[in-house]
Amino acid sequence: MMKYWFSIISLFIIDRLSKVYMLQKPPLIDKVGFIDLHFNPNVAFSWPVVDFILYPLIIIILVLLVHYWLKDWKDKKISVWPLGLIIIGAVSNLLDRLSYGGVVDFISVPFFTVFNFSDIYIFIGVVWTFVKLTQGRRGLTKQ
């Protein structure tokens, strides 16, 4: 499990350092068009949610994620990986909100949105979890 901890901590550090770098040296002009610094005070896709709902919701979701992560860790299940990705992504974005008043986003996809590495971790973790859950349901319905 040393690989697990090294991977998760490394990904968290990469995300945090990338945000610090972007804040200290924001791109003057990105000729390729994929780097654009934004602060997002809202949730995914800039959907607005008031703070008195947002922060308790984030805490509740994180507590549930950590609960299931600990359970899966104890049972040595593979789902510690996607849950770990979601947790480090959510914690990093929460740290942004507390430190800067919004999430630091800088990867710009034209005609789509601006996001960061944490958002990628969360997306991969959610898709991975969804795939595992649907595979499990298919196995249950075939019997």
C-alpha atoms as a PDB file:
ATOM      1  CA  MET A   1       0.000   0.000   0.000  1.00  0.00           C
ATOM      2  CA  MET A   2       3.045   2.245  -0.040  1.00  0.00           C
ATOM      3  CA  LYS A   3       2.414   2.813  -3.765  1.00  0.00           C
ATOM      4  CA  TYR A   4      -1.101   3.965  -2.923  1.00  0.00           C
ATOM      5  CA  TRP A   5       0.023   6.576  -0.403  1.00  0.00           C
ATOM      6  CA  PHE A   6       2.861   7.771  -2.614  1.00  0.00           C
ATOM      7  CA  SER A   7       0.493   8.130  -5.583  1.00  0.00           C
ATOM      8  CA  ILE A   8      -2.302   9.902  -3.701  1.00  0.00           C
ATOM      9  CA  ILE A   9       0.044  12.292  -1.882  1.00  0.00           C
ATOM     10  CA  SER A  10       1.977  12.999  -5.096  1.00  0.00           C
ATOM     11  CA  LEU A  11      -1.227  13.827  -6.981  1.00  0.00           C
ATOM     12  CA  PHE A  12      -2.348  16.130  -4.166  1.00  0.00           C
ATOM     13  CA  ILE A  13       1.014  17.918  -4.166  1.00  0.00           C
ATOM     14  CA  ILE A  14       0.976  18.269  -7.973  1.00  0.00           C
ATOM     15  CA  ASP A  15      -2.443  19.909  -7.773  1.00  0.00           C
ATOM     16  CA  ARG A  16      -1.488  22.275  -4.948  1.00  0.00           C
ATOM     17  CA  LEU A  17       1.824  23.274  -6.566  1.00  0.00           C
ATOM     18  CA  SER A  18       0.189  23.845  -9.957  1.00  0.00           C
ATOM     19  CA  LYS A  19      -2.293  26.247  -8.367  1.00  0.00           C
ATOM     20  CA  VAL A  20       0.407  28.094  -6.424  1.00  0.00           C
ATOM     21  CA  TYR A  21       2.491  28.368  -9.584  1.00  0.00           C
ATOM     22  CA  MET A  22      -0.441  29.753 -11.576  1.00  0.00           C
ATOM     23  CA  LEU A  23      -1.175  32.293  -8.863  1.00  0.00           C
ATOM     24  CA  GLN A  24       2.444  33.449  -8.614  1.00  0.00           C
ATOM     25  CA  LYS A  25       3.197  33.443 -12.341  1.00  0.00           C
ATOM     26  CA  PRO A  26      -0.082  33.795 -14.195  1.00  0.00           C
ATOM     27  CA  PRO A  27       0.326  33.321 -17.941  1.00  0.00           C
ATOM     28  CA  LEU A  28       0.627  36.594 -19.835  1.00  0.00           C
ATOM     29  CA  ILE A  29      -0.502  35.190 -23.132  1.00  0.00           C
ATOM     30  CA  ASP A  30      -1.149  31.541 -23.837  1.00  0.00           C
ATOM     31  CA  LYS A  31      -0.644  31.015 -27.550  1.00  0.00           C
ATOM     32  CA  VAL A  32      -2.108  27.521 -27.435  1.00  0.00           C
ATOM     33  CA  GLY A  33      -5.271  28.661 -25.636  1.00  0.00           C
ATOM     34  CA  PHE A  34      -5.392  26.059 -22.863  1.00  0.00           C
ATOM     35  CA  ILE A  35      -4.155  28.127 -19.913  1.00  0.00           C
ATOM     36  CA  ASP A  36      -6.450  30.775 -18.476  1.00  0.00           C
ATOM     37  CA  LEU A  37      -6.502  31.678 -14.764  1.00  0.00           C
ATOM     38  CA  HIS A  38      -9.965  31.901 -13.155  1.00  0.00           C
ATOM     39  CA  PHE A  39     -11.345  31.956  -9.630  1.00  0.00           C
ATOM     40  CA  ASN A  40     -14.581  29.997  -9.402  1.00  0.00           C
ATOM     41  CA  PRO A  41     -16.590  30.816  -6.253  1.00  0.00           C
ATOM     42  CA  ASN A  42     -19.335  28.436  -7.424  1.00  0.00           C
ATOM     43  CA  VAL A  43     -19.525  24.671  -7.910  1.00  0.00           C
ATOM     44  CA  ALA A  44     -19.046  22.625 -11.090  1.00  0.00           C
ATOM     45  CA  PHE A  45     -19.704  24.475 -14.332  1.00  0.00           C
ATOM     46  CA  SER A  46     -20.034  27.700 -12.271  1.00  0.00           C
ATOM     47  CA  TRP A  47     -23.415  26.754 -10.853  1.00  0.00           C
ATOM     48  CA  PRO A  48     -24.033  29.206  -8.005  1.00  0.00           C
ATOM     49  CA  VAL A  49     -24.664  27.883  -4.488  1.00  0.00           C
ATOM     50  CA  VAL A  50     -24.787  30.159  -1.447  1.00  0.00           C
ATOM     51  CA  ASP A  51     -22.014  29.639   1.117  1.00  0.00           C
ATOM     52  CA  PHE A  52     -24.286  28.658   4.012  1.00  0.00           C
ATOM     53  CA  ILE A  53     -25.440  25.688   1.910  1.00  0.00           C
ATOM     54  CA  LEU A  54     -22.166  25.005   0.051  1.00  0.00           C
ATOM     55  CA  TYR A  55     -19.768  24.574   2.987  1.00  0.00           C
ATOM     56  CA  PRO A  56     -21.976  22.265   5.091  1.00  0.00           C
ATOM     57  CA  LEU A  57     -22.702  20.255   1.940  1.00  0.00           C
ATOM     58  CA  ILE A  58     -18.975  19.906   1.188  1.00  0.00           C
ATOM     59  CA  ILE A  59     -18.270  18.806   4.773  1.00  0.00           C
ATOM     60  CA  ILE A  60     -21.112  16.249   4.750  1.00  0.00           C
ATOM     61  CA  ILE A  61     -19.943  14.812   1.424  1.00  0.00           C
ATOM     62  CA  LEU A  62     -16.322  14.649   2.626  1.00  0.00           C
ATOM     63  CA  VAL A  63     -17.338  12.912   5.868  1.00  0.00           C
ATOM     64  CA  LEU A  64     -19.335  10.325   3.897  1.00  0.00           C
ATOM     65  CA  LEU A  65     -16.493   9.802   1.419  1.00  0.00           C
ATOM     66  CA  VAL A  66     -13.947   9.334   4.204  1.00  0.00           C
ATOM     67  CA  HIS A  67     -16.318   6.938   5.998  1.00  0.00           C
ATOM     68  CA  TYR A  68     -16.646   4.737   2.897  1.00  0.00           C
ATOM     69  CA  TRP A  69     -12.945   5.097   2.137  1.00  0.00           C
ATOM     70  CA  LEU A  70     -12.028   3.878   5.647  1.00  0.00           C
ATOM     71  CA  LYS A  71     -14.439   0.965   5.326  1.00  0.00           C
ATOM     72  CA  ASP A  72     -12.987  -0.023   1.959  1.00  0.00           C
ATOM     73  CA  TRP A  73      -9.436   0.471   3.241  1.00  0.00           C
ATOM     74  CA  LYS A  74     -10.134  -1.936   6.097  1.00  0.00           C
ATOM     75  CA  ASP A  75     -11.616  -4.465   3.663  1.00  0.00           C
ATOM     76  CA  LYS A  76      -8.698  -3.902   1.231  1.00  0.00           C
ATOM     77  CA  LYS A  77     -11.019  -3.095  -1.663  1.00  0.00           C
ATOM     78  CA  ILE A  78      -9.895  -1.535  -4.927  1.00  0.00           C
ATOM     79  CA  SER A  79     -12.435   1.276  -4.429  1.00  0.00           C
ATOM     80  CA  VAL A  80      -9.978   3.065  -2.139  1.00  0.00           C
ATOM     81  CA  TRP A  81      -8.396   4.395  -5.338  1.00  0.00           C
ATOM     82  CA  PRO A  82     -11.364   6.248  -6.854  1.00  0.00           C
ATOM     83  CA  LEU A  83     -12.575   7.362  -3.431  1.00  0.00           C
ATOM     84  CA  GLY A  84      -9.076   8.618  -2.641  1.00  0.00           C
ATOM     85  CA  LEU A  85      -9.024  10.622  -5.877  1.00  0.00           C
ATOM     86  CA  ILE A  86     -12.389  12.199  -5.085  1.00  0.00           C
ATOM     87  CA  ILE A  87     -11.299  13.010  -1.523  1.00  0.00           C
ATOM     88  CA  ILE A  88      -7.987  14.674  -2.452  1.00  0.00           C
ATOM     89  CA  GLY A  89      -9.706  16.636  -5.212  1.00  0.00           C
ATOM     90  CA  ALA A  90     -12.459  17.834  -2.897  1.00  0.00           C
ATOM     91  CA  VAL A  91     -10.022  18.703  -0.089  1.00  0.00           C
ATOM     92  CA  SER A  92      -7.770  20.650  -2.444  1.00  0.00           C
ATOM     93  CA  ASN A  93     -10.684  22.621  -3.886  1.00  0.00           C
ATOM     94  CA  LEU A  94     -11.971  23.255  -0.348  1.00  0.00           C
ATOM     95  CA  LEU A  95      -8.537  24.609   0.608  1.00  0.00           C
ATOM     96  CA  ASP A  96      -8.776  26.961  -2.398  1.00  0.00           C
ATOM     97  CA  ARG A  97     -12.173  28.203  -1.271  1.00  0.00           C
ATOM     98  CA  LEU A  98     -10.929  28.839   2.248  1.00  0.00           C
ATOM     99  CA  SER A  99      -7.658  30.459   1.101  1.00  0.00           C
ATOM    100  CA  TYR A 100      -8.703  32.425  -1.968  1.00  0.00           C
ATOM    101  CA  GLY A 101     -12.487  32.709  -1.818  1.00  0.00           C
ATOM    102  CA  GLY A 102     -12.891  30.440  -4.826  1.00  0.00           C
ATOM    103  CA  VAL A 103     -11.375  27.479  -6.641  1.00  0.00           C
ATOM    104  CA  VAL A 104      -8.273  28.216  -8.716  1.00  0.00           C
ATOM    105  CA  ASP A 105      -8.998  26.988 -12.239  1.00  0.00           C
ATOM    106  CA  PHE A 106      -6.504  27.327 -15.100  1.00  0.00           C
ATOM    107  CA  ILE A 107      -6.926  24.542 -17.669  1.00  0.00           C
ATOM    108  CA  SER A 108      -9.179  26.013 -20.333  1.00  0.00           C
ATOM    109  CA  VAL A 109     -10.965  23.913 -22.911  1.00  0.00           C
ATOM    110  CA  PRO A 110     -12.370  26.203 -25.603  1.00  0.00           C
ATOM    111  CA  PHE A 111     -16.172  26.238 -25.761  1.00  0.00           C
ATOM    112  CA  PHE A 112     -16.379  24.092 -22.606  1.00  0.00           C
ATOM    113  CA  THR A 113     -15.073  25.201 -19.210  1.00  0.00           C
ATOM    114  CA  VAL A 114     -12.008  25.995 -17.111  1.00  0.00           C
ATOM    115  CA  PHE A 115     -10.867  23.466 -14.518  1.00  0.00           C
ATOM    116  CA  ASN A 116      -7.830  22.204 -12.551  1.00  0.00           C
ATOM    117  CA  PHE A 117      -6.168  18.915 -11.640  1.00  0.00           C
ATOM    118  CA  SER A 118      -8.472  18.429  -8.629  1.00  0.00           C
ATOM    119  CA  ASP A 119     -11.456  18.539 -10.939  1.00  0.00           C
ATOM    120  CA  ILE A 120      -9.808  15.872 -13.106  1.00  0.00           C
ATOM    121  CA  TYR A 121      -9.213  13.683 -10.030  1.00  0.00           C
ATOM    122  CA  ILE A 122     -12.840  14.067  -8.953  1.00  0.00           C
ATOM    123  CA  PHE A 123     -14.089  13.288 -12.469  1.00  0.00           C
ATOM    124  CA  ILE A 124     -11.923  10.173 -12.798  1.00  0.00           C
ATOM    125  CA  GLY A 125     -12.922   8.995  -9.304  1.00  0.00           C
ATOM    126  CA  VAL A 126     -16.643   9.473  -9.985  1.00  0.00           C
ATOM    127  CA  VAL A 127     -16.505   7.748 -13.395  1.00  0.00           C
ATOM    128  CA  TRP A 128     -14.417   4.896 -11.962  1.00  0.00           C
ATOM    129  CA  THR A 129     -16.900   4.456  -9.096  1.00  0.00           C
ATOM    130  CA  PHE A 130     -19.874   4.615 -11.481  1.00  0.00           C
ATOM    131  CA  VAL A 131     -18.336   1.973 -13.765  1.00  0.00           C
ATOM    132  CA  LYS A 132     -17.635  -0.317 -10.804  1.00  0.00           C
ATOM    133  CA  LEU A 133     -21.173   0.131  -9.467  1.00  0.00           C
ATOM    134  CA  THR A 134     -22.786  -0.574 -12.831  1.00  0.00           C
ATOM    135  CA  GLN A 135     -20.591  -3.637 -13.355  1.00  0.00           C
ATOM    136  CA  GLY A 136     -21.684  -4.886  -9.945  1.00  0.00           C
ATOM    137  CA  ARG A 137     -25.368  -4.337 -10.754  1.00  0.00           C
ATOM    138  CA  ARG A 138     -25.049  -6.113 -14.108  1.00  0.00           C
ATOM    139  CA  GLY A 139     -23.515  -9.078 -12.307  1.00  0.00           C
ATOM    140  CA  LEU A 140     -26.395  -9.138  -9.844  1.00  0.00           C
ATOM    141  CA  THR A 141     -29.116  -8.968 -12.498  1.00  0.00           C
ATOM    142  CA  LYS A 142     -27.666 -11.787 -14.642  1.00  0.00           C
ATOM    143  CA  GLN A 143     -28.037 -14.376 -11.886  1.00  0.00           C
END
